[in-house]
Amino acid sequence: MTATPSRAAEPSRGRAQPQSRSARARMLAWVLALLTVLVPLGGQPAYALPASPARAMPASPQQANPHPDSPHPDSPRAERPKPERPKPARPEPAKPDPTAVVEQLRLRVPAAEREAWLEAERGSWGPWLARQDGFLGRELYWDPRREQATLLIRWASRAQWQAIPGGELAAVQERFEHIARQATGHSRGNPFPLVFEGELEPQ
């Protein structure tokens, strides 16, 4: 006797179709979920790209150079130092004239009559010397310990000093003594006699 196959053992084609649609639906949902993760609504990928190495920001002038008065090492002023200005040459001291000479005189001048001596000098030798050729100037000093006056008379040359006539010198000396006698009350002679006469040479 031949067995007839049961209908229940045969696969049902009508029930296999719903199972295939369900699988495709699940796959489509998975793909959409994956796309949602990878590409959000903003259009940019959700995953983060590796960050590029940070570039060092240049330091501010205050940070790079804490002392504003000093030049920054990277500034052009620091790279190109200012050239030193040549120092002006110092003028050499004037050399003394080898032909100049100083006449040196010392007079006895008591302390009580010092003003009378100065008055006699201003009225005689002072204005006369100012008119002489070669006269450069004179200095008057008084030593209170010795009670002596020192006169330094500068001449441009010894020749000009010695060229003055003796008679003219005697006349000026007579006027000096006359004024001195009037100022001191002396009746005769020279109240301020000469104690030394010489000459000096500038070095």
C-alpha atoms as a PDB file:
ATOM      1  CA  MET A   1       0.000   0.000   0.000  1.00  0.00           C
ATOM      2  CA  THR A   2       1.434   3.256  -1.024  1.00  0.00           C
ATOM      3  CA  ALA A   3       1.566   6.013   1.626  1.00  0.00           C
ATOM      4  CA  THR A   4       0.146   9.317   0.704  1.00  0.00           C
ATOM      5  CA  PRO A   5       2.290  12.255   1.845  1.00  0.00           C
ATOM      6  CA  SER A   6       0.634  14.487   4.429  1.00  0.00           C
ATOM      7  CA  ARG A   7      -0.133  18.099   3.396  1.00  0.00           C
ATOM      8  CA  ALA A   8       1.094  19.309   6.726  1.00  0.00           C
ATOM      9  CA  ALA A   9       4.661  18.231   5.913  1.00  0.00           C
ATOM     10  CA  GLU A  10       4.918  20.395   2.786  1.00  0.00           C
ATOM     11  CA  PRO A  11       6.225  23.889   3.255  1.00  0.00           C
ATOM     12  CA  SER A  12       3.607  26.564   2.922  1.00  0.00           C
ATOM     13  CA  ARG A  13       4.548  29.146   0.300  1.00  0.00           C
ATOM     14  CA  GLY A  14       1.795  31.483   1.477  1.00  0.00           C
ATOM     15  CA  ARG A  15       3.339  31.821   5.025  1.00  0.00           C
ATOM     16  CA  ALA A  16       6.959  32.260   3.799  1.00  0.00           C
ATOM     17  CA  GLN A  17       6.209  35.640   2.123  1.00  0.00           C
ATOM     18  CA  PRO A  18       5.292  37.472   5.385  1.00  0.00           C
ATOM     19  CA  GLN A  19       8.547  36.290   7.000  1.00  0.00           C
ATOM     20  CA  SER A  20      10.663  37.710   4.051  1.00  0.00           C
ATOM     21  CA  ARG A  21       8.988  41.102   4.301  1.00  0.00           C
ATOM     22  CA  SER A  22       9.610  41.286   8.024  1.00  0.00           C
ATOM     23  CA  ALA A  23      13.354  40.626   7.497  1.00  0.00           C
ATOM     24  CA  ARG A  24      13.635  43.326   4.847  1.00  0.00           C
ATOM     25  CA  ALA A  25      11.821  45.762   7.135  1.00  0.00           C
ATOM     26  CA  ARG A  26      14.210  45.032   9.974  1.00  0.00           C
ATOM     27  CA  MET A  27      17.218  45.497   7.699  1.00  0.00           C
ATOM     28  CA  LEU A  28      15.864  48.791   6.397  1.00  0.00           C
ATOM     29  CA  ALA A  29      15.257  50.024   9.926  1.00  0.00           C
ATOM     30  CA  TRP A  30      18.819  49.068  10.878  1.00  0.00           C
ATOM     31  CA  VAL A  31      20.262  50.936   7.888  1.00  0.00           C
ATOM     32  CA  LEU A  32      18.211  54.023   8.707  1.00  0.00           C
ATOM     33  CA  ALA A  33      19.357  53.884  12.306  1.00  0.00           C
ATOM     34  CA  LEU A  34      22.979  53.589  11.179  1.00  0.00           C
ATOM     35  CA  LEU A  35      22.610  56.566   8.832  1.00  0.00           C
ATOM     36  CA  THR A  36      21.016  58.567  11.632  1.00  0.00           C
ATOM     37  CA  VAL A  37      24.066  57.959  13.790  1.00  0.00           C
ATOM     38  CA  LEU A  38      26.613  58.694  11.066  1.00  0.00           C
ATOM     39  CA  VAL A  39      24.912  61.685   9.427  1.00  0.00           C
ATOM     40  CA  PRO A  40      22.793  63.853  11.793  1.00  0.00           C
ATOM     41  CA  LEU A  41      20.271  66.418  10.616  1.00  0.00           C
ATOM     42  CA  GLY A  42      22.923  69.216  10.533  1.00  0.00           C
ATOM     43  CA  GLY A  43      24.699  67.532   7.633  1.00  0.00           C
ATOM     44  CA  GLN A  44      27.961  67.124   9.547  1.00  0.00           C
ATOM     45  CA  PRO A  45      29.291  63.720  10.527  1.00  0.00           C
ATOM     46  CA  ALA A  46      28.616  62.802  14.116  1.00  0.00           C
ATOM     47  CA  TYR A  47      32.057  61.337  14.658  1.00  0.00           C
ATOM     48  CA  ALA A  48      34.860  63.771  15.590  1.00  0.00           C
ATOM     49  CA  LEU A  49      37.900  64.170  13.371  1.00  0.00           C
ATOM     50  CA  PRO A  50      41.296  63.962  15.082  1.00  0.00           C
ATOM     51  CA  ALA A  51      42.266  67.373  16.377  1.00  0.00           C
ATOM     52  CA  SER A  52      45.164  69.084  14.634  1.00  0.00           C
ATOM     53  CA  PRO A  53      48.129  69.982  16.844  1.00  0.00           C
ATOM     54  CA  ALA A  54      47.617  73.365  18.495  1.00  0.00           C
ATOM     55  CA  ARG A  55      49.781  76.161  17.121  1.00  0.00           C
ATOM     56  CA  ALA A  56      51.648  78.254  19.642  1.00  0.00           C
ATOM     57  CA  MET A  57      50.161  81.725  19.836  1.00  0.00           C
ATOM     58  CA  PRO A  58      52.662  84.581  19.736  1.00  0.00           C
ATOM     59  CA  ALA A  59      53.229  86.116  23.116  1.00  0.00           C
ATOM     60  CA  SER A  60      51.905  89.579  23.772  1.00  0.00           C
ATOM     61  CA  PRO A  61      54.452  92.433  23.948  1.00  0.00           C
ATOM     62  CA  GLN A  62      54.086  92.510  27.742  1.00  0.00           C
ATOM     63  CA  GLN A  63      54.701  88.738  28.035  1.00  0.00           C
ATOM     64  CA  ALA A  64      57.521  88.610  25.491  1.00  0.00           C
ATOM     65  CA  ASN A  65      59.278  91.625  26.917  1.00  0.00           C
ATOM     66  CA  PRO A  66      58.526  92.287  30.592  1.00  0.00           C
ATOM     67  CA  HIS A  67      60.758  95.369  30.484  1.00  0.00           C
ATOM     68  CA  PRO A  68      59.198  97.806  27.982  1.00  0.00           C
ATOM     69  CA  ASP A  69      62.218 100.089  28.003  1.00  0.00           C
ATOM     70  CA  SER A  70      64.528  97.377  26.635  1.00  0.00           C
ATOM     71  CA  PRO A  71      64.187  96.295  22.975  1.00  0.00           C
ATOM     72  CA  HIS A  72      62.564  92.976  22.191  1.00  0.00           C
ATOM     73  CA  PRO A  73      65.043  90.349  20.936  1.00  0.00           C
ATOM     74  CA  ASP A  74      63.030  89.873  17.739  1.00  0.00           C
ATOM     75  CA  SER A  75      62.579  93.567  17.020  1.00  0.00           C
ATOM     76  CA  PRO A  76      64.580  95.232  14.192  1.00  0.00           C
ATOM     77  CA  ARG A  77      65.983  97.652  16.700  1.00  0.00           C
ATOM     78  CA  ALA A  78      67.629  94.790  18.594  1.00  0.00           C
ATOM     79  CA  GLU A  79      68.924  93.182  15.400  1.00  0.00           C
ATOM     80  CA  ARG A  80      70.463  96.407  14.124  1.00  0.00           C
ATOM     81  CA  PRO A  81      72.172  98.240  16.998  1.00  0.00           C
ATOM     82  CA  LYS A  82      72.650 101.944  16.544  1.00  0.00           C
ATOM     83  CA  PRO A  83      76.139 102.880  15.416  1.00  0.00           C
ATOM     84  CA  GLU A  84      78.148 104.689  18.031  1.00  0.00           C
ATOM     85  CA  ARG A  85      78.591 108.363  17.364  1.00  0.00           C
ATOM     86  CA  PRO A  86      82.183 109.471  17.272  1.00  0.00           C
ATOM     87  CA  LYS A  87      83.062 111.425  20.372  1.00  0.00           C
ATOM     88  CA  PRO A  88      84.165 114.974  19.670  1.00  0.00           C
ATOM     89  CA  ALA A  89      87.846 115.419  20.111  1.00  0.00           C
ATOM     90  CA  ARG A  90      88.786 117.390  23.170  1.00  0.00           C
ATOM     91  CA  PRO A  91      90.538 120.624  22.357  1.00  0.00           C
ATOM     92  CA  GLU A  92      94.130 120.539  23.349  1.00  0.00           C
ATOM     93  CA  PRO A  93      95.098 123.029  26.027  1.00  0.00           C
ATOM     94  CA  ALA A  94      96.672 126.126  24.680  1.00  0.00           C
ATOM     95  CA  LYS A  95     100.416 125.934  24.786  1.00  0.00           C
ATOM     96  CA  PRO A  96     102.132 128.855  26.461  1.00  0.00           C
ATOM     97  CA  ASP A  97     103.768 131.365  24.202  1.00  0.00           C
ATOM     98  CA  PRO A  98     107.520 130.772  24.450  1.00  0.00           C
ATOM     99  CA  THR A  99     108.105 134.499  23.990  1.00  0.00           C
ATOM    100  CA  ALA A 100     105.738 135.596  26.826  1.00  0.00           C
ATOM    101  CA  VAL A 101     107.136 136.725  30.165  1.00  0.00           C
ATOM    102  CA  VAL A 102     105.719 137.652  33.578  1.00  0.00           C
ATOM    103  CA  GLU A 103     107.145 140.563  35.547  1.00  0.00           C
ATOM    104  CA  GLN A 104     107.108 139.834  39.299  1.00  0.00           C
ATOM    105  CA  LEU A 105     107.224 142.586  41.934  1.00  0.00           C
ATOM    106  CA  ARG A 106     106.880 142.548  45.729  1.00  0.00           C
ATOM    107  CA  LEU A 107     106.144 145.674  47.801  1.00  0.00           C
ATOM    108  CA  ARG A 108     106.011 146.251  51.555  1.00  0.00           C
ATOM    109  CA  VAL A 109     102.384 147.074  52.340  1.00  0.00           C
ATOM    110  CA  PRO A 110     101.288 147.267  56.001  1.00  0.00           C
ATOM    111  CA  ALA A 111      97.826 145.971  56.788  1.00  0.00           C
ATOM    112  CA  ALA A 112      96.602 149.404  57.905  1.00  0.00           C
ATOM    113  CA  GLU A 113      97.624 150.944  54.552  1.00  0.00           C
ATOM    114  CA  ARG A 114      96.438 148.239  52.134  1.00  0.00           C
ATOM    115  CA  GLU A 115      93.559 150.352  50.794  1.00  0.00           C
ATOM    116  CA  ALA A 116      95.928 153.298  50.241  1.00  0.00           C
ATOM    117  CA  TRP A 117      98.211 151.022  48.183  1.00  0.00           C
ATOM    118  CA  LEU A 118      95.307 149.876  46.006  1.00  0.00           C
ATOM    119  CA  GLU A 119      94.210 153.479  45.500  1.00  0.00           C
ATOM    120  CA  ALA A 120      97.722 154.455  44.359  1.00  0.00           C
ATOM    121  CA  GLU A 121      97.829 151.495  41.933  1.00  0.00           C
ATOM    122  CA  ARG A 122      94.468 152.464  40.387  1.00  0.00           C
ATOM    123  CA  GLY A 123      95.581 156.062  39.923  1.00  0.00           C
ATOM    124  CA  SER A 124      98.972 155.395  38.320  1.00  0.00           C
ATOM    125  CA  TRP A 125     100.199 152.012  37.091  1.00  0.00           C
ATOM    126  CA  GLY A 126      96.774 150.543  36.276  1.00  0.00           C
ATOM    127  CA  PRO A 127      95.682 152.987  33.511  1.00  0.00           C
ATOM    128  CA  TRP A 128      99.231 153.447  32.218  1.00  0.00           C
ATOM    129  CA  LEU A 129      99.850 149.710  31.717  1.00  0.00           C
ATOM    130  CA  ALA A 130      96.557 149.317  29.859  1.00  0.00           C
ATOM    131  CA  ARG A 131      97.917 151.605  27.116  1.00  0.00           C
ATOM    132  CA  GLN A 132     101.224 149.762  26.585  1.00  0.00           C
ATOM    133  CA  ASP A 133     101.977 147.518  23.605  1.00  0.00           C
ATOM    134  CA  GLY A 134     102.425 143.876  24.625  1.00  0.00           C
ATOM    135  CA  PHE A 135     100.646 144.238  27.982  1.00  0.00           C
ATOM    136  CA  LEU A 136      98.367 141.233  28.592  1.00  0.00           C
ATOM    137  CA  GLY A 137      97.136 141.836  32.138  1.00  0.00           C
ATOM    138  CA  ARG A 138      98.185 141.758  35.765  1.00  0.00           C
ATOM    139  CA  GLU A 139      97.171 140.218  39.119  1.00  0.00           C
ATOM    140  CA  LEU A 140      97.541 141.826  42.537  1.00  0.00           C
ATOM    141  CA  TYR A 141      97.974 139.725  45.711  1.00  0.00           C
ATOM    142  CA  TRP A 142      98.507 140.601  49.348  1.00  0.00           C
ATOM    143  CA  ASP A 143     100.133 138.395  51.997  1.00  0.00           C
ATOM    144  CA  PRO A 144      98.681 139.232  55.434  1.00  0.00           C
ATOM    145  CA  ARG A 145     101.380 137.275  57.296  1.00  0.00           C
ATOM    146  CA  ARG A 146     104.311 139.088  55.697  1.00  0.00           C
ATOM    147  CA  GLU A 147     102.328 142.235  54.947  1.00  0.00           C
ATOM    148  CA  GLN A 148     103.621 142.240  51.402  1.00  0.00           C
ATOM    149  CA  ALA A 149     101.939 142.789  48.061  1.00  0.00           C
ATOM    150  CA  THR A 150     102.795 140.655  45.014  1.00  0.00           C
ATOM    151  CA  LEU A 151     102.224 141.953  41.481  1.00  0.00           C
ATOM    152  CA  LEU A 152     102.307 139.625  38.435  1.00  0.00           C
ATOM    153  CA  ILE A 153     102.372 141.620  35.183  1.00  0.00           C
ATOM    154  CA  ARG A 154     102.068 139.587  31.967  1.00  0.00           C
ATOM    155  CA  TRP A 155     103.758 140.712  28.751  1.00  0.00           C
ATOM    156  CA  ALA A 156     103.449 139.249  25.261  1.00  0.00           C
ATOM    157  CA  SER A 157     107.234 139.330  24.910  1.00  0.00           C
ATOM    158  CA  ARG A 158     110.236 140.383  26.906  1.00  0.00           C
ATOM    159  CA  ALA A 159     111.307 142.644  24.108  1.00  0.00           C
ATOM    160  CA  GLN A 160     108.107 144.703  24.356  1.00  0.00           C
ATOM    161  CA  TRP A 161     108.454 144.960  28.112  1.00  0.00           C
ATOM    162  CA  GLN A 162     112.082 146.101  27.972  1.00  0.00           C
ATOM    163  CA  ALA A 163     111.360 148.550  25.129  1.00  0.00           C
ATOM    164  CA  ILE A 164     109.526 150.949  27.468  1.00  0.00           C
ATOM    165  CA  PRO A 165     111.702 154.057  28.073  1.00  0.00           C
ATOM    166  CA  GLY A 166     113.116 154.405  31.567  1.00  0.00           C
ATOM    167  CA  GLY A 167     112.080 158.056  31.800  1.00  0.00           C
ATOM    168  CA  GLU A 168     108.441 157.107  31.238  1.00  0.00           C
ATOM    169  CA  LEU A 169     108.630 154.468  33.985  1.00  0.00           C
ATOM    170  CA  ALA A 170     110.107 157.025  36.402  1.00  0.00           C
ATOM    171  CA  ALA A 171     107.267 159.453  35.728  1.00  0.00           C
ATOM    172  CA  VAL A 172     104.613 156.815  36.471  1.00  0.00           C
ATOM    173  CA  GLN A 173     106.446 155.772  39.631  1.00  0.00           C
ATOM    174  CA  GLU A 174     106.546 159.375  40.840  1.00  0.00           C
ATOM    175  CA  ARG A 175     102.786 159.679  40.379  1.00  0.00           C
ATOM    176  CA  PHE A 176     102.276 156.392  42.279  1.00  0.00           C
ATOM    177  CA  GLU A 177     104.288 157.646  45.265  1.00  0.00           C
ATOM    178  CA  HIS A 178     102.506 160.997  45.249  1.00  0.00           C
ATOM    179  CA  ILE A 179      99.061 159.369  45.487  1.00  0.00           C
ATOM    180  CA  ALA A 180     100.359 156.954  48.138  1.00  0.00           C
ATOM    181  CA  ARG A 181     101.695 159.809  50.337  1.00  0.00           C
ATOM    182  CA  GLN A 182      98.388 161.623  50.116  1.00  0.00           C
ATOM    183  CA  ALA A 183      96.444 158.476  51.044  1.00  0.00           C
ATOM    184  CA  THR A 184      98.719 157.476  53.940  1.00  0.00           C
ATOM    185  CA  GLY A 185      99.680 160.922  55.283  1.00  0.00           C
ATOM    186  CA  HIS A 186     103.384 160.393  54.679  1.00  0.00           C
ATOM    187  CA  SER A 187     105.281 163.609  53.959  1.00  0.00           C
ATOM    188  CA  ARG A 188     108.032 162.196  51.792  1.00  0.00           C
ATOM    189  CA  GLY A 189     109.521 159.054  50.226  1.00  0.00           C
ATOM    190  CA  ASN A 190     107.729 155.965  48.970  1.00  0.00           C
ATOM    191  CA  PRO A 191     105.229 154.519  51.473  1.00  0.00           C
ATOM    192  CA  PHE A 192     105.332 151.154  49.672  1.00  0.00           C
ATOM    193  CA  PRO A 193     108.969 150.383  48.844  1.00  0.00           C
ATOM    194  CA  LEU A 194     110.037 147.650  46.444  1.00  0.00           C
ATOM    195  CA  VAL A 195     111.500 144.550  48.175  1.00  0.00           C
ATOM    196  CA  PHE A 196     111.862 142.172  45.177  1.00  0.00           C
ATOM    197  CA  GLU A 197     111.905 142.408  41.375  1.00  0.00           C
ATOM    198  CA  GLY A 198     112.156 139.499  38.933  1.00  0.00           C
ATOM    199  CA  GLU A 199     110.597 137.741  35.950  1.00  0.00           C
ATOM    200  CA  LEU A 200     108.913 134.365  35.324  1.00  0.00           C
ATOM    201  CA  GLU A 201     108.591 132.281  32.163  1.00  0.00           C
ATOM    202  CA  PRO A 202     105.329 130.359  31.455  1.00  0.00           C
ATOM    203  CA  GLN A 203     105.756 126.571  31.250  1.00  0.00           C
END
